[in-house]
Amino acid sequence: MVSTVLGLLGNFLVVLVLFQRRSAGSSADAFIGNLAAADFLTSLFLIPLPRASQVPSTLLGKIYCKIVFTSVLVWFCIFTSTLTLMAISVERFVAIVYPIQFARWRKRQHITFGIILIWGMSLVVNLFIPLTIHVNDESHECTVDFMTFASQVTIGVYSILVCYIIPIAVMLITNVTAARTLQRQFKRFNSTYRGEGKSKASMNLLVARKRVLYMLILVIIIYCICWGPNSIAYFLYNIRVLDSSHLYGPIDQVLVLLAFYNSCANPIVYTLCYPQFRKALRKLVTCSKISNNAIFEAGTTLNVSKDDTAMTVV
């Protein structure tokens, strides 16, 4: 219940702050707003519902088992958050490594299409969940049903690859590459602009670089900690290293709860890593005048030399 309250409040504030600045047209703000919306819905669907002791073998009973019992809407929103984290990593990678191409790409219609694609892909990925549950006509309970052991293993491999390993790989590759590029650009700038007038610009670049690095590292670490145990345990269950009592058992519930805490962690990361977000949040709480400036995108471009690529700080 604590994670639900924190997730609802924290992500609602993030959505509200970014919605007030939607006219800025920032791709980073748009994706982070989408992440907050998905995390807000995750927290909303986590509100406990009464569990039926017996389920009738009717259409309503089947709907209950496939939608309510499986918490498929929760998993749908969670994977939307995962895809959005990947999109943010890729967006920042392109902005830092390929700034010229990024300037052409960051149009409002492209951002909108990307967000719609994220929700659509999440829907498709989670379609298998309702298919594994049916109403037992004898016990009148919702029962997990795998046709064969091979199909169960396939689902296990599919889940850990699509929902954990691939997202982690994408985030690691893009973030490490972006971080190395930022470091390289900073060194070039520092060696090129020596003497008077360089200190303020180089310091701004250094601060932006550190902010991005800390944010990306925190996001990856939190995601790994929250989702790693649950993803591994579910994989072990599907290859039958863990028996059937694990699913929906006490250990499984603890691991799922740990995973859900990822939804309320992101607003804390924004508050810790982005002074602009703290300032915007303060203005929201005190009802001060709101600016139209983007929060998570500095939009500063610095040219190192004629031969170097322009350095874009986001």
C-alpha atoms as a PDB file:
ATOM      1  CA  MET A   1       0.000   0.000   0.000  1.00  0.00           C
ATOM      2  CA  VAL A   2       2.932   2.340   0.698  1.00  0.00           C
ATOM      3  CA  SER A   3       4.283   1.877  -2.831  1.00  0.00           C
ATOM      4  CA  THR A   4       0.808   2.602  -4.216  1.00  0.00           C
ATOM      5  CA  VAL A   5       0.455   5.907  -2.348  1.00  0.00           C
ATOM      6  CA  LEU A   6       4.012   7.014  -3.170  1.00  0.00           C
ATOM      7  CA  GLY A   7       3.597   6.027  -6.809  1.00  0.00           C
ATOM      8  CA  LEU A   8       0.277   7.844  -7.188  1.00  0.00           C
ATOM      9  CA  LEU A   9       1.439  11.050  -5.515  1.00  0.00           C
ATOM     10  CA  GLY A  10       4.958  11.210  -6.960  1.00  0.00           C
ATOM     11  CA  ASN A  11       4.049  10.402 -10.549  1.00  0.00           C
ATOM     12  CA  PHE A  12       0.970  12.643 -10.480  1.00  0.00           C
ATOM     13  CA  LEU A  13       3.213  15.577  -9.556  1.00  0.00           C
ATOM     14  CA  VAL A  14       5.645  14.684 -12.365  1.00  0.00           C
ATOM     15  CA  VAL A  15       2.813  14.532 -14.925  1.00  0.00           C
ATOM     16  CA  LEU A  16       1.375  17.828 -13.665  1.00  0.00           C
ATOM     17  CA  VAL A  17       4.728  19.647 -13.770  1.00  0.00           C
ATOM     18  CA  LEU A  18       5.530  18.419 -17.290  1.00  0.00           C
ATOM     19  CA  PHE A  19       1.990  19.017 -18.586  1.00  0.00           C
ATOM     20  CA  GLN A  20       2.293  22.684 -17.633  1.00  0.00           C
ATOM     21  CA  ARG A  21       5.372  22.898 -19.870  1.00  0.00           C
ATOM     22  CA  ARG A  22       4.077  20.840 -22.794  1.00  0.00           C
ATOM     23  CA  SER A  23       4.396  23.845 -25.135  1.00  0.00           C
ATOM     24  CA  ALA A  24       8.201  23.569 -24.862  1.00  0.00           C
ATOM     25  CA  GLY A  25       8.042  20.578 -27.218  1.00  0.00           C
ATOM     26  CA  SER A  26      10.857  18.700 -25.478  1.00  0.00           C
ATOM     27  CA  SER A  27      11.226  15.048 -26.487  1.00  0.00           C
ATOM     28  CA  ALA A  28      12.890  14.201 -23.164  1.00  0.00           C
ATOM     29  CA  ASP A  29      10.045  15.809 -21.207  1.00  0.00           C
ATOM     30  CA  ALA A  30       7.471  13.983 -23.338  1.00  0.00           C
ATOM     31  CA  PHE A  31       9.008  10.544 -22.760  1.00  0.00           C
ATOM     32  CA  ILE A  32       9.529  11.149 -19.040  1.00  0.00           C
ATOM     33  CA  GLY A  33       5.924  12.355 -18.835  1.00  0.00           C
ATOM     34  CA  ASN A  34       4.840   9.130 -20.527  1.00  0.00           C
ATOM     35  CA  LEU A  35       6.933   7.157 -18.030  1.00  0.00           C
ATOM     36  CA  ALA A  36       5.277   8.974 -15.131  1.00  0.00           C
ATOM     37  CA  ALA A  37       1.810   8.343 -16.607  1.00  0.00           C
ATOM     38  CA  ALA A  38       2.529   4.618 -16.960  1.00  0.00           C
ATOM     39  CA  ASP A  39       3.911   4.456 -13.411  1.00  0.00           C
ATOM     40  CA  PHE A  40       0.862   6.353 -12.124  1.00  0.00           C
ATOM     41  CA  LEU A  41      -1.491   3.841 -13.767  1.00  0.00           C
ATOM     42  CA  THR A  42       0.622   0.985 -12.392  1.00  0.00           C
ATOM     43  CA  SER A  43       0.197   2.370  -8.883  1.00  0.00           C
ATOM     44  CA  LEU A  44      -3.527   2.880  -9.492  1.00  0.00           C
ATOM     45  CA  PHE A  45      -4.051  -0.718 -10.616  1.00  0.00           C
ATOM     46  CA  LEU A  46      -2.097  -1.892  -7.565  1.00  0.00           C
ATOM     47  CA  ILE A  47      -4.933  -0.804  -5.271  1.00  0.00           C
ATOM     48  CA  PRO A  48      -6.039  -4.107  -3.670  1.00  0.00           C
ATOM     49  CA  LEU A  49      -9.285  -5.620  -4.918  1.00  0.00           C
ATOM     50  CA  PRO A  50     -11.287  -8.300  -3.090  1.00  0.00           C
ATOM     51  CA  ARG A  51     -10.394 -11.813  -4.220  1.00  0.00           C
ATOM     52  CA  ALA A  52     -13.212 -14.191  -5.111  1.00  0.00           C
ATOM     53  CA  SER A  53     -13.165 -17.433  -3.121  1.00  0.00           C
ATOM     54  CA  GLN A  54     -15.054 -19.196  -5.910  1.00  0.00           C
ATOM     55  CA  VAL A  55     -15.310 -18.252  -9.557  1.00  0.00           C
ATOM     56  CA  PRO A  56     -18.300 -19.296 -11.693  1.00  0.00           C
ATOM     57  CA  SER A  57     -17.686 -20.983 -15.039  1.00  0.00           C
ATOM     58  CA  THR A  58     -19.334 -18.123 -16.884  1.00  0.00           C
ATOM     59  CA  LEU A  59     -18.163 -15.298 -19.129  1.00  0.00           C
ATOM     60  CA  LEU A  60     -17.821 -12.978 -16.137  1.00  0.00           C
ATOM     61  CA  GLY A  61     -15.829 -15.655 -14.318  1.00  0.00           C
ATOM     62  CA  LYS A  62     -13.453 -15.976 -17.265  1.00  0.00           C
ATOM     63  CA  ILE A  63     -13.053 -12.192 -17.471  1.00  0.00           C
ATOM     64  CA  TYR A  64     -12.292 -12.070 -13.741  1.00  0.00           C
ATOM     65  CA  CYS A  65      -9.590 -14.733 -14.032  1.00  0.00           C
ATOM     66  CA  LYS A  66      -7.983 -13.314 -17.165  1.00  0.00           C
ATOM     67  CA  ILE A  67      -8.081  -9.613 -16.202  1.00  0.00           C
ATOM     68  CA  VAL A  68      -8.389  -9.211 -12.421  1.00  0.00           C
ATOM     69  CA  PHE A  69      -6.700 -12.376 -11.128  1.00  0.00           C
ATOM     70  CA  THR A  70      -3.720 -12.078 -13.473  1.00  0.00           C
ATOM     71  CA  SER A  71      -3.312  -8.309 -12.845  1.00  0.00           C
ATOM     72  CA  VAL A  72      -2.675  -8.044 -16.581  1.00  0.00           C
ATOM     73  CA  LEU A  73      -3.369  -4.288 -16.566  1.00  0.00           C
ATOM     74  CA  VAL A  74      -0.596  -3.843 -14.002  1.00  0.00           C
ATOM     75  CA  TRP A  75       1.888  -5.804 -16.119  1.00  0.00           C
ATOM     76  CA  PHE A  76       0.756  -3.903 -19.218  1.00  0.00           C
ATOM     77  CA  CYS A  77       1.575  -0.561 -17.560  1.00  0.00           C
ATOM     78  CA  ILE A  78       4.812  -1.890 -16.069  1.00  0.00           C
ATOM     79  CA  PHE A  79       6.127  -3.028 -19.439  1.00  0.00           C
ATOM     80  CA  THR A  80       5.065   0.321 -20.889  1.00  0.00           C
ATOM     81  CA  SER A  81       7.351   1.900 -18.272  1.00  0.00           C
ATOM     82  CA  THR A  82      10.153  -0.460 -19.291  1.00  0.00           C
ATOM     83  CA  LEU A  83       9.782   0.394 -22.979  1.00  0.00           C
ATOM     84  CA  THR A  84       9.696   4.089 -22.112  1.00  0.00           C
ATOM     85  CA  LEU A  85      12.938   3.768 -20.142  1.00  0.00           C
ATOM     86  CA  MET A  86      14.472   2.153 -23.222  1.00  0.00           C
ATOM     87  CA  ALA A  87      13.125   4.968 -25.396  1.00  0.00           C
ATOM     88  CA  ILE A  88      14.588   7.593 -23.057  1.00  0.00           C
ATOM     89  CA  SER A  89      17.973   5.855 -23.189  1.00  0.00           C
ATOM     90  CA  VAL A  90      17.892   5.706 -26.995  1.00  0.00           C
ATOM     91  CA  GLU A  91      16.667   9.314 -27.230  1.00  0.00           C
ATOM     92  CA  ARG A  92      19.528  10.586 -25.103  1.00  0.00           C
ATOM     93  CA  PHE A  93      22.008   8.386 -26.959  1.00  0.00           C
ATOM     94  CA  VAL A  94      20.967   9.916 -30.285  1.00  0.00           C
ATOM     95  CA  ALA A  95      20.893  13.444 -28.819  1.00  0.00           C
ATOM     96  CA  ILE A  96      24.456  13.147 -27.518  1.00  0.00           C
ATOM     97  CA  VAL A  97      26.141  10.952 -30.147  1.00  0.00           C
ATOM     98  CA  TYR A  98      24.228  12.123 -33.257  1.00  0.00           C
ATOM     99  CA  PRO A  99      23.058  15.670 -32.413  1.00  0.00           C
ATOM    100  CA  ILE A 100      22.526  16.767 -36.025  1.00  0.00           C
ATOM    101  CA  GLN A 101      20.270  13.806 -36.834  1.00  0.00           C
ATOM    102  CA  PHE A 102      18.510  14.297 -33.499  1.00  0.00           C
ATOM    103  CA  ALA A 103      17.656  17.897 -34.381  1.00  0.00           C
ATOM    104  CA  ARG A 104      15.852  16.648 -37.510  1.00  0.00           C
ATOM    105  CA  TRP A 105      14.109  13.797 -35.671  1.00  0.00           C
ATOM    106  CA  ARG A 106      12.705  15.643 -32.659  1.00  0.00           C
ATOM    107  CA  LYS A 107       9.442  16.723 -34.229  1.00  0.00           C
ATOM    108  CA  ARG A 108       6.182  16.592 -32.295  1.00  0.00           C
ATOM    109  CA  GLN A 109       4.610  14.040 -34.644  1.00  0.00           C
ATOM    110  CA  HIS A 110       7.605  11.711 -34.296  1.00  0.00           C
ATOM    111  CA  ILE A 111       7.433  11.915 -30.509  1.00  0.00           C
ATOM    112  CA  THR A 112       3.687  11.225 -30.542  1.00  0.00           C
ATOM    113  CA  PHE A 113       4.174   8.241 -32.844  1.00  0.00           C
ATOM    114  CA  GLY A 114       6.908   6.887 -30.566  1.00  0.00           C
ATOM    115  CA  ILE A 115       4.674   7.086 -27.493  1.00  0.00           C
ATOM    116  CA  ILE A 116       1.761   5.391 -29.288  1.00  0.00           C
ATOM    117  CA  LEU A 117       4.148   2.675 -30.506  1.00  0.00           C
ATOM    118  CA  ILE A 118       5.336   2.056 -26.934  1.00  0.00           C
ATOM    119  CA  TRP A 119       1.802   1.455 -25.634  1.00  0.00           C
ATOM    120  CA  GLY A 120       0.934  -0.704 -28.644  1.00  0.00           C
ATOM    121  CA  MET A 121       4.026  -2.892 -28.251  1.00  0.00           C
ATOM    122  CA  SER A 122       3.318  -3.321 -24.538  1.00  0.00           C
ATOM    123  CA  LEU A 123      -0.211  -4.475 -25.330  1.00  0.00           C
ATOM    124  CA  VAL A 124       1.046  -7.082 -27.801  1.00  0.00           C
ATOM    125  CA  VAL A 125       3.779  -8.368 -25.466  1.00  0.00           C
ATOM    126  CA  ASN A 126       1.309  -8.948 -22.616  1.00  0.00           C
ATOM    127  CA  LEU A 127      -1.359 -10.740 -24.653  1.00  0.00           C
ATOM    128  CA  PHE A 128      -0.031 -14.151 -23.574  1.00  0.00           C
ATOM    129  CA  ILE A 129      -0.857 -13.567 -19.880  1.00  0.00           C
ATOM    130  CA  PRO A 130      -4.667 -14.029 -20.105  1.00  0.00           C
ATOM    131  CA  LEU A 131      -4.144 -17.058 -22.344  1.00  0.00           C
ATOM    132  CA  THR A 132      -2.432 -19.009 -19.535  1.00  0.00           C
ATOM    133  CA  ILE A 133      -5.353 -18.709 -17.066  1.00  0.00           C
ATOM    134  CA  HIS A 134      -8.700 -20.516 -17.065  1.00  0.00           C
ATOM    135  CA  VAL A 135     -11.555 -21.299 -14.677  1.00  0.00           C
ATOM    136  CA  ASN A 136     -11.358 -24.778 -13.156  1.00  0.00           C
ATOM    137  CA  ASP A 137     -14.861 -26.242 -13.499  1.00  0.00           C
ATOM    138  CA  GLU A 138     -14.411 -28.543 -10.506  1.00  0.00           C
ATOM    139  CA  SER A 139     -12.721 -26.307  -7.913  1.00  0.00           C
ATOM    140  CA  HIS A 140     -14.138 -23.043  -9.331  1.00  0.00           C
ATOM    141  CA  GLU A 141     -10.761 -21.373  -9.009  1.00  0.00           C
ATOM    142  CA  CYS A 142      -8.551 -19.475 -11.430  1.00  0.00           C
ATOM    143  CA  THR A 143      -5.906 -21.950 -12.574  1.00  0.00           C
ATOM    144  CA  VAL A 144      -2.644 -21.443 -14.435  1.00  0.00           C
ATOM    145  CA  ASP A 145      -2.696 -23.706 -17.461  1.00  0.00           C
ATOM    146  CA  PHE A 146       0.279 -24.461 -19.701  1.00  0.00           C
ATOM    147  CA  MET A 147      -0.446 -26.876 -22.521  1.00  0.00           C
ATOM    148  CA  THR A 148       3.000 -28.475 -22.455  1.00  0.00           C
ATOM    149  CA  PHE A 149       6.295 -28.115 -20.617  1.00  0.00           C
ATOM    150  CA  ALA A 150       7.845 -26.803 -23.834  1.00  0.00           C
ATOM    151  CA  SER A 151       5.284 -23.984 -24.036  1.00  0.00           C
ATOM    152  CA  GLN A 152       5.953 -23.077 -20.398  1.00  0.00           C
ATOM    153  CA  VAL A 153       9.704 -22.923 -21.040  1.00  0.00           C
ATOM    154  CA  THR A 154       9.051 -20.788 -24.120  1.00  0.00           C
ATOM    155  CA  ILE A 155       7.038 -18.325 -22.035  1.00  0.00           C
ATOM    156  CA  GLY A 156       9.783 -18.266 -19.393  1.00  0.00           C
ATOM    157  CA  VAL A 157      12.537 -17.533 -21.913  1.00  0.00           C
ATOM    158  CA  TYR A 158      10.329 -15.023 -23.719  1.00  0.00           C
ATOM    159  CA  SER A 159       9.522 -13.168 -20.484  1.00  0.00           C
ATOM    160  CA  ILE A 160      13.065 -12.853 -19.162  1.00  0.00           C
ATOM    161  CA  LEU A 161      14.453 -11.863 -22.561  1.00  0.00           C
ATOM    162  CA  VAL A 162      11.805  -9.328 -23.559  1.00  0.00           C
ATOM    163  CA  CYS A 163      11.035  -7.891 -20.130  1.00  0.00           C
ATOM    164  CA  TYR A 164      14.488  -7.851 -18.527  1.00  0.00           C
ATOM    165  CA  ILE A 165      17.611  -8.892 -20.456  1.00  0.00           C
ATOM    166  CA  ILE A 166      16.944  -6.957 -23.674  1.00  0.00           C
ATOM    167  CA  PRO A 167      15.869  -3.742 -21.874  1.00  0.00           C
ATOM    168  CA  ILE A 168      18.931  -3.904 -19.610  1.00  0.00           C
ATOM    169  CA  ALA A 169      21.207  -4.512 -22.610  1.00  0.00           C
ATOM    170  CA  VAL A 170      19.720  -1.586 -24.541  1.00  0.00           C
ATOM    171  CA  MET A 171      19.971   0.765 -21.564  1.00  0.00           C
ATOM    172  CA  LEU A 172      23.534  -0.285 -20.776  1.00  0.00           C
ATOM    173  CA  ILE A 173      24.812   0.003 -24.358  1.00  0.00           C
ATOM    174  CA  THR A 174      23.159   3.355 -25.074  1.00  0.00           C
ATOM    175  CA  ASN A 175      23.967   4.912 -21.706  1.00  0.00           C
ATOM    176  CA  VAL A 176      27.600   3.773 -21.619  1.00  0.00           C
ATOM    177  CA  THR A 177      28.138   4.990 -25.188  1.00  0.00           C
ATOM    178  CA  ALA A 178      26.469   8.318 -24.419  1.00  0.00           C
ATOM    179  CA  ALA A 179      28.514   8.735 -21.234  1.00  0.00           C
ATOM    180  CA  ARG A 180      31.787   8.025 -23.044  1.00  0.00           C
ATOM    181  CA  THR A 181      30.845  10.464 -25.797  1.00  0.00           C
ATOM    182  CA  LEU A 182      30.031  13.165 -23.251  1.00  0.00           C
ATOM    183  CA  GLN A 183      33.356  12.602 -21.524  1.00  0.00           C
ATOM    184  CA  ARG A 184      35.218  12.763 -24.838  1.00  0.00           C
ATOM    185  CA  GLN A 185      33.407  15.956 -25.844  1.00  0.00           C
ATOM    186  CA  PHE A 186      34.172  17.565 -22.498  1.00  0.00           C
ATOM    187  CA  LYS A 187      37.889  16.790 -22.857  1.00  0.00           C
ATOM    188  CA  ARG A 188      37.919  18.278 -26.362  1.00  0.00           C
ATOM    189  CA  PHE A 189      36.143  21.385 -25.172  1.00  0.00           C
ATOM    190  CA  ASN A 190      38.432  21.729 -22.159  1.00  0.00           C
ATOM    191  CA  SER A 191      41.577  21.432 -24.286  1.00  0.00           C
ATOM    192  CA  THR A 192      40.317  23.715 -27.063  1.00  0.00           C
ATOM    193  CA  TYR A 193      38.995  26.610 -25.000  1.00  0.00           C
ATOM    194  CA  ARG A 194      41.838  27.540 -22.673  1.00  0.00           C
ATOM    195  CA  GLY A 195      42.094  30.902 -21.017  1.00  0.00           C
ATOM    196  CA  GLU A 196      39.518  33.585 -20.334  1.00  0.00           C
ATOM    197  CA  GLY A 197      35.865  33.032 -21.055  1.00  0.00           C
ATOM    198  CA  LYS A 198      35.929  29.265 -20.999  1.00  0.00           C
ATOM    199  CA  SER A 199      35.185  28.635 -17.329  1.00  0.00           C
ATOM    200  CA  LYS A 200      31.434  29.256 -17.334  1.00  0.00           C
ATOM    201  CA  ALA A 201      30.735  27.258 -20.496  1.00  0.00           C
ATOM    202  CA  SER A 202      32.962  24.369 -19.475  1.00  0.00           C
ATOM    203  CA  MET A 203      31.440  24.303 -15.999  1.00  0.00           C
ATOM    204  CA  ASN A 204      27.915  24.193 -17.462  1.00  0.00           C
ATOM    205  CA  LEU A 205      28.965  21.299 -19.658  1.00  0.00           C
ATOM    206  CA  LEU A 206      30.559  19.496 -16.715  1.00  0.00           C
ATOM    207  CA  VAL A 207      27.435  19.910 -14.582  1.00  0.00           C
ATOM    208  CA  ALA A 208      25.196  18.685 -17.414  1.00  0.00           C
ATOM    209  CA  ARG A 209      27.468  15.715 -18.019  1.00  0.00           C
ATOM    210  CA  LYS A 210      27.480  14.718 -14.352  1.00  0.00           C
ATOM    211  CA  ARG A 211      23.719  15.128 -14.129  1.00  0.00           C
ATOM    212  CA  VAL A 212      23.136  12.823 -17.085  1.00  0.00           C
ATOM    213  CA  LEU A 213      25.610  10.245 -15.789  1.00  0.00           C
ATOM    214  CA  TYR A 214      24.124  10.150 -12.289  1.00  0.00           C
ATOM    215  CA  MET A 215      20.590   9.942 -13.648  1.00  0.00           C
ATOM    216  CA  LEU A 216      21.352   7.100 -16.042  1.00  0.00           C
ATOM    217  CA  ILE A 217      23.357   5.130 -13.479  1.00  0.00           C
ATOM    218  CA  LEU A 218      20.614   5.487 -10.862  1.00  0.00           C
ATOM    219  CA  VAL A 219      17.886   4.440 -13.291  1.00  0.00           C
ATOM    220  CA  ILE A 220      19.775   1.307 -14.358  1.00  0.00           C
ATOM    221  CA  ILE A 221      20.715   0.304 -10.809  1.00  0.00           C
ATOM    222  CA  ILE A 222      17.170   0.789  -9.493  1.00  0.00           C
ATOM    223  CA  TYR A 223      15.675  -1.096 -12.433  1.00  0.00           C
ATOM    224  CA  CYS A 224      18.089  -4.018 -11.956  1.00  0.00           C
ATOM    225  CA  ILE A 225      17.502  -4.205  -8.201  1.00  0.00           C
ATOM    226  CA  CYS A 226      13.727  -3.983  -8.464  1.00  0.00           C
ATOM    227  CA  TRP A 227      13.179  -6.292 -11.424  1.00  0.00           C
ATOM    228  CA  GLY A 228      16.098  -8.721 -11.282  1.00  0.00           C
ATOM    229  CA  PRO A 229      14.871 -11.044  -8.481  1.00  0.00           C
ATOM    230  CA  ASN A 230      11.310 -11.259  -9.814  1.00  0.00           C
ATOM    231  CA  SER A 231      12.404 -11.859 -13.412  1.00  0.00           C
ATOM    232  CA  ILE A 232      14.851 -14.599 -12.421  1.00  0.00           C
ATOM    233  CA  ALA A 233      12.347 -16.281 -10.081  1.00  0.00           C
ATOM    234  CA  TYR A 234       9.625 -16.292 -12.750  1.00  0.00           C
ATOM    235  CA  PHE A 235      12.069 -17.780 -15.244  1.00  0.00           C
ATOM    236  CA  LEU A 236      13.045 -20.514 -12.752  1.00  0.00           C
ATOM    237  CA  TYR A 237       9.366 -21.228 -12.161  1.00  0.00           C
ATOM    238  CA  ASN A 238       8.726 -21.653 -15.870  1.00  0.00           C
ATOM    239  CA  ILE A 239      11.618 -24.085 -16.332  1.00  0.00           C
ATOM    240  CA  ARG A 240      10.308 -25.893 -13.198  1.00  0.00           C
ATOM    241  CA  VAL A 241      13.277 -25.295 -10.958  1.00  0.00           C
ATOM    242  CA  LEU A 242      10.681 -23.729  -8.633  1.00  0.00           C
ATOM    243  CA  ASP A 243       7.468 -25.730  -8.162  1.00  0.00           C
ATOM    244  CA  SER A 244       3.916 -24.539  -8.821  1.00  0.00           C
ATOM    245  CA  SER A 245       3.455 -23.335  -5.236  1.00  0.00           C
ATOM    246  CA  HIS A 246       5.853 -20.449  -5.943  1.00  0.00           C
ATOM    247  CA  LEU A 247       3.451 -18.597  -8.262  1.00  0.00           C
ATOM    248  CA  TYR A 248       1.246 -16.251  -6.199  1.00  0.00           C
ATOM    249  CA  GLY A 249       2.947 -17.623  -3.058  1.00  0.00           C
ATOM    250  CA  PRO A 250       4.486 -15.465  -0.288  1.00  0.00           C
ATOM    251  CA  ILE A 251       7.982 -15.276  -1.830  1.00  0.00           C
ATOM    252  CA  ASP A 252       6.523 -14.411  -5.215  1.00  0.00           C
ATOM    253  CA  GLN A 253       4.426 -11.650  -3.642  1.00  0.00           C
ATOM    254  CA  VAL A 254       7.504 -10.147  -1.950  1.00  0.00           C
ATOM    255  CA  LEU A 255       9.468 -10.176  -5.224  1.00  0.00           C
ATOM    256  CA  VAL A 256       6.547  -8.650  -7.120  1.00  0.00           C
ATOM    257  CA  LEU A 257       6.225  -5.950  -4.454  1.00  0.00           C
ATOM    258  CA  LEU A 258       9.932  -5.148  -4.828  1.00  0.00           C
ATOM    259  CA  ALA A 259       9.422  -4.813  -8.580  1.00  0.00           C
ATOM    260  CA  PHE A 260       6.466  -2.492  -8.038  1.00  0.00           C
ATOM    261  CA  TYR A 261       8.629  -0.127  -5.997  1.00  0.00           C
ATOM    262  CA  ASN A 262      10.350   0.787  -9.259  1.00  0.00           C
ATOM    263  CA  SER A 263       7.214   2.747 -10.173  1.00  0.00           C
ATOM    264  CA  CYS A 264       7.538   5.088  -7.194  1.00  0.00           C
ATOM    265  CA  ALA A 265      11.343   5.383  -7.381  1.00  0.00           C
ATOM    266  CA  ASN A 266      11.569   7.427 -10.579  1.00  0.00           C
ATOM    267  CA  PRO A 267      10.115  10.692  -9.155  1.00  0.00           C
ATOM    268  CA  ILE A 268      12.676  10.453  -6.348  1.00  0.00           C
ATOM    269  CA  VAL A 269      15.457  10.109  -8.939  1.00  0.00           C
ATOM    270  CA  TYR A 270      14.222  13.201 -10.795  1.00  0.00           C
ATOM    271  CA  THR A 271      14.143  15.192  -7.559  1.00  0.00           C
ATOM    272  CA  LEU A 272      17.658  14.134  -6.587  1.00  0.00           C
ATOM    273  CA  CYS A 273      19.288  14.562  -9.995  1.00  0.00           C
ATOM    274  CA  TYR A 274      17.570  17.537 -11.619  1.00  0.00           C
ATOM    275  CA  PRO A 275      17.653  20.967  -9.942  1.00  0.00           C
ATOM    276  CA  GLN A 276      15.254  22.227 -12.634  1.00  0.00           C
ATOM    277  CA  PHE A 277      12.666  19.669 -11.558  1.00  0.00           C
ATOM    278  CA  ARG A 278      13.019  20.651  -7.911  1.00  0.00           C
ATOM    279  CA  LYS A 279      12.568  24.290  -8.894  1.00  0.00           C
ATOM    280  CA  ALA A 280       9.508  23.483 -11.029  1.00  0.00           C
ATOM    281  CA  LEU A 281       8.011  21.395  -8.231  1.00  0.00           C
ATOM    282  CA  ARG A 282       8.539  24.251  -5.792  1.00  0.00           C
ATOM    283  CA  LYS A 283       6.771  26.638  -8.166  1.00  0.00           C
ATOM    284  CA  LEU A 284       3.884  24.195  -8.513  1.00  0.00           C
ATOM    285  CA  VAL A 285       3.448  23.841  -4.753  1.00  0.00           C
ATOM    286  CA  THR A 286       3.715  27.595  -4.112  1.00  0.00           C
ATOM    287  CA  CYS A 287       1.488  28.460  -7.113  1.00  0.00           C
ATOM    288  CA  SER A 288       4.235  30.648  -8.600  1.00  0.00           C
ATOM    289  CA  LYS A 289       4.427  31.710 -12.236  1.00  0.00           C
ATOM    290  CA  ILE A 290       5.256  28.784 -14.516  1.00  0.00           C
ATOM    291  CA  SER A 291       7.760  29.158 -17.355  1.00  0.00           C
ATOM    292  CA  ASN A 292       7.558  27.309 -20.668  1.00  0.00           C
ATOM    293  CA  ASN A 293      11.139  26.041 -20.511  1.00  0.00           C
ATOM    294  CA  ALA A 294      11.802  22.311 -20.789  1.00  0.00           C
ATOM    295  CA  ILE A 295      12.932  20.628 -17.580  1.00  0.00           C
ATOM    296  CA  PHE A 296      14.889  17.561 -18.671  1.00  0.00           C
ATOM    297  CA  GLU A 297      16.510  19.084 -21.757  1.00  0.00           C
ATOM    298  CA  ALA A 298      19.024  21.894 -21.666  1.00  0.00           C
ATOM    299  CA  GLY A 299      19.082  22.409 -25.416  1.00  0.00           C
ATOM    300  CA  THR A 300      22.595  23.889 -25.329  1.00  0.00           C
ATOM    301  CA  THR A 301      24.838  23.292 -28.321  1.00  0.00           C
ATOM    302  CA  LEU A 302      28.570  23.975 -28.253  1.00  0.00           C
ATOM    303  CA  ASN A 303      30.925  23.724 -31.217  1.00  0.00           C
ATOM    304  CA  VAL A 304      34.353  22.357 -30.326  1.00  0.00           C
ATOM    305  CA  SER A 305      36.044  22.783 -33.676  1.00  0.00           C
ATOM    306  CA  LYS A 306      35.345  22.584 -37.371  1.00  0.00           C
ATOM    307  CA  ASP A 307      36.283  18.922 -37.437  1.00  0.00           C
ATOM    308  CA  ASP A 308      34.355  17.889 -34.324  1.00  0.00           C
ATOM    309  CA  THR A 309      30.709  17.130 -34.095  1.00  0.00           C
ATOM    310  CA  ALA A 310      28.611  19.714 -32.269  1.00  0.00           C
ATOM    311  CA  MET A 311      28.194  18.900 -28.618  1.00  0.00           C
ATOM    312  CA  THR A 312      24.575  18.863 -27.531  1.00  0.00           C
ATOM    313  CA  VAL A 313      23.879  18.839 -23.801  1.00  0.00           C
ATOM    314  CA  VAL A 314      20.556  17.298 -22.744  1.00  0.00           C
END
